[in-house]
Amino acid sequence: MYGLLDIPAAGMTAQRTRMAVIAANIANADTVLDENGNINPWRRRTVHFAAGDPAGRTDDARSLGVHVTDITLDDAPFNLKWDPTSPLAYKDGPNKGYVPRPNVNPVIEQVNALEASRAYEANLAAAEAMKQMMASALRLIA
């Protein structure tokens, strides 16, 4: 019976991971240099979900829910900003004079954060409803 709470708990865990990745994307939306000082803009990260329990338990309630399968780099091209005076600008080639910028769109990240927050709240409401139903059932039995 208590395994049913694993379903919304798994959803909340997955959405918490998603929010952490979104926060990292927003925090690094202006990061152009890597830790060694080389030009290497931040690449947006995305979270991928899958249904079921990654531990492979056979209990029906535990086999439901969602989990994070992977966090991958978005292979979209970097944004380019025209600034030929910048020391970070490309010195030659077709993008000469452009500074590479992370492929993070803050507006999209904010929308994704709102969606993850609402999904977390929905899972929390489902867990609370299940707890109330279990408490009511136990009161009826006792």
C-alpha atoms as a PDB file:
ATOM      1  CA  MET A   1       0.000   0.000   0.000  1.00  0.00           C
ATOM      2  CA  TYR A   2       2.786   2.441   0.874  1.00  0.00           C
ATOM      3  CA  GLY A   3       4.515   1.683  -2.431  1.00  0.00           C
ATOM      4  CA  LEU A   4       1.877   3.821  -4.118  1.00  0.00           C
ATOM      5  CA  LEU A   5       3.589   6.898  -2.695  1.00  0.00           C
ATOM      6  CA  ASP A   6       6.661   5.956  -4.729  1.00  0.00           C
ATOM      7  CA  ILE A   7       4.893   7.064  -7.912  1.00  0.00           C
ATOM      8  CA  PRO A   8       4.522  10.776  -7.052  1.00  0.00           C
ATOM      9  CA  ALA A   9       7.814  10.681  -5.121  1.00  0.00           C
ATOM     10  CA  ALA A  10       9.596   9.509  -8.270  1.00  0.00           C
ATOM     11  CA  GLY A  11       7.947  12.329 -10.212  1.00  0.00           C
ATOM     12  CA  MET A  12       9.051  14.896  -7.653  1.00  0.00           C
ATOM     13  CA  THR A  13      12.625  13.567  -7.728  1.00  0.00           C
ATOM     14  CA  ALA A  14      12.707  13.741 -11.531  1.00  0.00           C
ATOM     15  CA  GLN A  15      11.331  17.300 -11.578  1.00  0.00           C
ATOM     16  CA  ARG A  16      13.818  18.372  -8.893  1.00  0.00           C
ATOM     17  CA  THR A  17      16.649  17.118 -11.121  1.00  0.00           C
ATOM     18  CA  ARG A  18      15.118  18.950 -14.073  1.00  0.00           C
ATOM     19  CA  MET A  19      14.951  22.190 -12.066  1.00  0.00           C
ATOM     20  CA  ALA A  20      18.629  21.846 -11.090  1.00  0.00           C
ATOM     21  CA  VAL A  21      19.618  21.450 -14.749  1.00  0.00           C
ATOM     22  CA  ILE A  22      17.471  24.436 -15.762  1.00  0.00           C
ATOM     23  CA  ALA A  23      19.055  26.529 -12.997  1.00  0.00           C
ATOM     24  CA  ALA A  24      22.518  25.570 -14.261  1.00  0.00           C
ATOM     25  CA  ASN A  25      21.533  26.568 -17.800  1.00  0.00           C
ATOM     26  CA  ILE A  26      20.266  29.970 -16.639  1.00  0.00           C
ATOM     27  CA  ALA A  27      23.295  30.545 -14.399  1.00  0.00           C
ATOM     28  CA  ASN A  28      25.662  29.847 -17.290  1.00  0.00           C
ATOM     29  CA  ALA A  29      23.746  31.718 -19.992  1.00  0.00           C
ATOM     30  CA  ASP A  30      26.658  34.166 -20.272  1.00  0.00           C
ATOM     31  CA  THR A  31      29.553  31.732 -19.785  1.00  0.00           C
ATOM     32  CA  VAL A  32      31.889  31.838 -22.770  1.00  0.00           C
ATOM     33  CA  LEU A  33      35.170  30.598 -21.279  1.00  0.00           C
ATOM     34  CA  ASP A  34      35.792  27.172 -19.778  1.00  0.00           C
ATOM     35  CA  GLU A  35      37.700  26.547 -16.538  1.00  0.00           C
ATOM     36  CA  ASN A  36      41.032  26.738 -18.417  1.00  0.00           C
ATOM     37  CA  GLY A  37      40.268  30.137 -19.960  1.00  0.00           C
ATOM     38  CA  ASN A  38      39.639  28.736 -23.443  1.00  0.00           C
ATOM     39  CA  ILE A  39      36.750  29.867 -25.627  1.00  0.00           C
ATOM     40  CA  ASN A  40      34.200  27.138 -25.041  1.00  0.00           C
ATOM     41  CA  PRO A  41      30.653  28.478 -24.487  1.00  0.00           C
ATOM     42  CA  TRP A  42      28.296  26.642 -22.156  1.00  0.00           C
ATOM     43  CA  ARG A  43      26.178  24.090 -23.947  1.00  0.00           C
ATOM     44  CA  ARG A  44      22.578  23.827 -22.815  1.00  0.00           C
ATOM     45  CA  ARG A  45      21.744  20.654 -20.915  1.00  0.00           C
ATOM     46  CA  THR A  46      18.465  18.758 -21.324  1.00  0.00           C
ATOM     47  CA  VAL A  47      16.926  16.128 -19.069  1.00  0.00           C
ATOM     48  CA  HIS A  48      15.366  12.950 -20.466  1.00  0.00           C
ATOM     49  CA  PHE A  49      12.760  10.918 -18.578  1.00  0.00           C
ATOM     50  CA  ALA A  50      11.564   7.331 -18.892  1.00  0.00           C
ATOM     51  CA  ALA A  51       8.697   5.457 -17.307  1.00  0.00           C
ATOM     52  CA  GLY A  52       9.283   2.775 -14.739  1.00  0.00           C
ATOM     53  CA  ASP A  53      11.734   2.036 -11.976  1.00  0.00           C
ATOM     54  CA  PRO A  54      15.411   1.936 -12.940  1.00  0.00           C
ATOM     55  CA  ALA A  55      16.085  -0.543 -10.128  1.00  0.00           C
ATOM     56  CA  GLY A  56      13.889  -3.103 -11.916  1.00  0.00           C
ATOM     57  CA  ARG A  57      11.858  -4.113  -8.876  1.00  0.00           C
ATOM     58  CA  THR A  58       8.827  -6.270  -9.669  1.00  0.00           C
ATOM     59  CA  ASP A  59       6.323  -4.661  -7.298  1.00  0.00           C
ATOM     60  CA  ASP A  60       3.635  -3.048  -9.501  1.00  0.00           C
ATOM     61  CA  ALA A  61       3.584   0.246  -7.608  1.00  0.00           C
ATOM     62  CA  ARG A  62       7.371   0.519  -7.663  1.00  0.00           C
ATOM     63  CA  SER A  63       7.551  -0.279 -11.370  1.00  0.00           C
ATOM     64  CA  LEU A  64       5.421   2.769 -12.134  1.00  0.00           C
ATOM     65  CA  GLY A  65       6.459   6.394 -12.008  1.00  0.00           C
ATOM     66  CA  VAL A  66       9.230   8.165 -13.838  1.00  0.00           C
ATOM     67  CA  HIS A  67      12.980   8.498 -13.564  1.00  0.00           C
ATOM     68  CA  VAL A  68      15.768  10.481 -15.212  1.00  0.00           C
ATOM     69  CA  THR A  69      17.488   8.384 -17.857  1.00  0.00           C
ATOM     70  CA  ASP A  70      20.028  10.914 -19.085  1.00  0.00           C
ATOM     71  CA  ILE A  71      21.182  14.512 -19.080  1.00  0.00           C
ATOM     72  CA  THR A  72      22.526  15.412 -22.508  1.00  0.00           C
ATOM     73  CA  LEU A  73      24.132  18.401 -24.182  1.00  0.00           C
ATOM     74  CA  ASP A  74      22.006  20.289 -26.692  1.00  0.00           C
ATOM     75  CA  ASP A  75      23.807  20.181 -30.038  1.00  0.00           C
ATOM     76  CA  ALA A  76      22.126  23.342 -31.335  1.00  0.00           C
ATOM     77  CA  PRO A  77      24.622  25.844 -32.746  1.00  0.00           C
ATOM     78  CA  PHE A  78      25.997  28.511 -30.474  1.00  0.00           C
ATOM     79  CA  ASN A  79      24.476  31.969 -30.650  1.00  0.00           C
ATOM     80  CA  LEU A  80      26.728  34.555 -32.275  1.00  0.00           C
ATOM     81  CA  LYS A  81      27.104  38.164 -31.176  1.00  0.00           C
ATOM     82  CA  TRP A  82      28.736  40.723 -33.440  1.00  0.00           C
ATOM     83  CA  ASP A  83      31.634  42.299 -31.555  1.00  0.00           C
ATOM     84  CA  PRO A  84      34.809  42.508 -33.674  1.00  0.00           C
ATOM     85  CA  THR A  85      36.673  44.380 -30.912  1.00  0.00           C
ATOM     86  CA  SER A  86      36.288  41.538 -28.408  1.00  0.00           C
ATOM     87  CA  PRO A  87      39.366  39.391 -27.755  1.00  0.00           C
ATOM     88  CA  LEU A  88      36.974  36.408 -27.817  1.00  0.00           C
ATOM     89  CA  ALA A  89      35.768  37.112 -31.372  1.00  0.00           C
ATOM     90  CA  TYR A  90      36.623  34.716 -34.171  1.00  0.00           C
ATOM     91  CA  LYS A  91      39.745  35.979 -35.949  1.00  0.00           C
ATOM     92  CA  ASP A  92      39.028  34.392 -39.328  1.00  0.00           C
ATOM     93  CA  GLY A  93      36.560  32.207 -41.177  1.00  0.00           C
ATOM     94  CA  PRO A  94      32.899  32.827 -42.026  1.00  0.00           C
ATOM     95  CA  ASN A  95      32.128  34.010 -38.468  1.00  0.00           C
ATOM     96  CA  LYS A  96      34.986  36.525 -38.303  1.00  0.00           C
ATOM     97  CA  GLY A  97      34.163  39.270 -35.794  1.00  0.00           C
ATOM     98  CA  TYR A  98      31.486  37.251 -34.004  1.00  0.00           C
ATOM     99  CA  VAL A  99      31.746  36.107 -30.387  1.00  0.00           C
ATOM    100  CA  PRO A 100      30.301  32.649 -29.703  1.00  0.00           C
ATOM    101  CA  ARG A 101      27.622  32.676 -27.005  1.00  0.00           C
ATOM    102  CA  PRO A 102      25.924  29.784 -25.174  1.00  0.00           C
ATOM    103  CA  ASN A 103      22.932  28.211 -26.923  1.00  0.00           C
ATOM    104  CA  VAL A 104      20.748  28.969 -23.890  1.00  0.00           C
ATOM    105  CA  ASN A 105      17.558  30.971 -24.379  1.00  0.00           C
ATOM    106  CA  PRO A 106      16.582  32.396 -20.960  1.00  0.00           C
ATOM    107  CA  VAL A 107      12.923  32.727 -21.968  1.00  0.00           C
ATOM    108  CA  ILE A 108      12.676  29.043 -22.888  1.00  0.00           C
ATOM    109  CA  GLU A 109      14.475  28.092 -19.673  1.00  0.00           C
ATOM    110  CA  GLN A 110      12.039  30.169 -17.607  1.00  0.00           C
ATOM    111  CA  VAL A 111       9.076  28.457 -19.285  1.00  0.00           C
ATOM    112  CA  ASN A 112      10.678  25.053 -18.671  1.00  0.00           C
ATOM    113  CA  ALA A 113      11.250  25.998 -15.017  1.00  0.00           C
ATOM    114  CA  LEU A 114       7.609  26.990 -14.638  1.00  0.00           C
ATOM    115  CA  GLU A 115       6.514  23.705 -16.208  1.00  0.00           C
ATOM    116  CA  ALA A 116       8.805  21.671 -13.927  1.00  0.00           C
ATOM    117  CA  SER A 117       7.572  23.584 -10.890  1.00  0.00           C
ATOM    118  CA  ARG A 118       3.936  22.909 -11.777  1.00  0.00           C
ATOM    119  CA  ALA A 119       4.671  19.222 -12.397  1.00  0.00           C
ATOM    120  CA  TYR A 120       6.380  19.019  -8.994  1.00  0.00           C
ATOM    121  CA  GLU A 121       3.351  20.646  -7.347  1.00  0.00           C
ATOM    122  CA  ALA A 122       0.995  18.221  -9.119  1.00  0.00           C
ATOM    123  CA  ASN A 123       3.001  15.247  -7.844  1.00  0.00           C
ATOM    124  CA  LEU A 124       2.987  16.727  -4.356  1.00  0.00           C
ATOM    125  CA  ALA A 125      -0.808  17.130  -4.483  1.00  0.00           C
ATOM    126  CA  ALA A 126      -1.160  13.528  -5.674  1.00  0.00           C
ATOM    127  CA  ALA A 127       1.004  12.298  -2.777  1.00  0.00           C
ATOM    128  CA  GLU A 128      -1.035  14.304  -0.268  1.00  0.00           C
ATOM    129  CA  ALA A 129      -4.298  12.928  -1.704  1.00  0.00           C
ATOM    130  CA  MET A 130      -2.957   9.362  -1.473  1.00  0.00           C
ATOM    131  CA  LYS A 131      -1.879   9.907   2.124  1.00  0.00           C
ATOM    132  CA  GLN A 132      -5.344  11.204   3.005  1.00  0.00           C
ATOM    133  CA  MET A 133      -7.030   8.243   1.293  1.00  0.00           C
ATOM    134  CA  MET A 134      -4.791   5.771   3.131  1.00  0.00           C
ATOM    135  CA  ALA A 135      -5.493   7.510   6.464  1.00  0.00           C
ATOM    136  CA  SER A 136      -9.233   7.381   5.784  1.00  0.00           C
ATOM    137  CA  ALA A 137      -9.038   3.697   4.877  1.00  0.00           C
ATOM    138  CA  LEU A 138      -7.138   2.920   8.078  1.00  0.00           C
ATOM    139  CA  ARG A 139      -9.706   4.846  10.137  1.00  0.00           C
ATOM    140  CA  LEU A 140     -12.508   2.808   8.546  1.00  0.00           C
ATOM    141  CA  ILE A 141     -10.711  -0.463   9.231  1.00  0.00           C
ATOM    142  CA  ALA A 142      -9.910   0.389  12.868  1.00  0.00           C
END
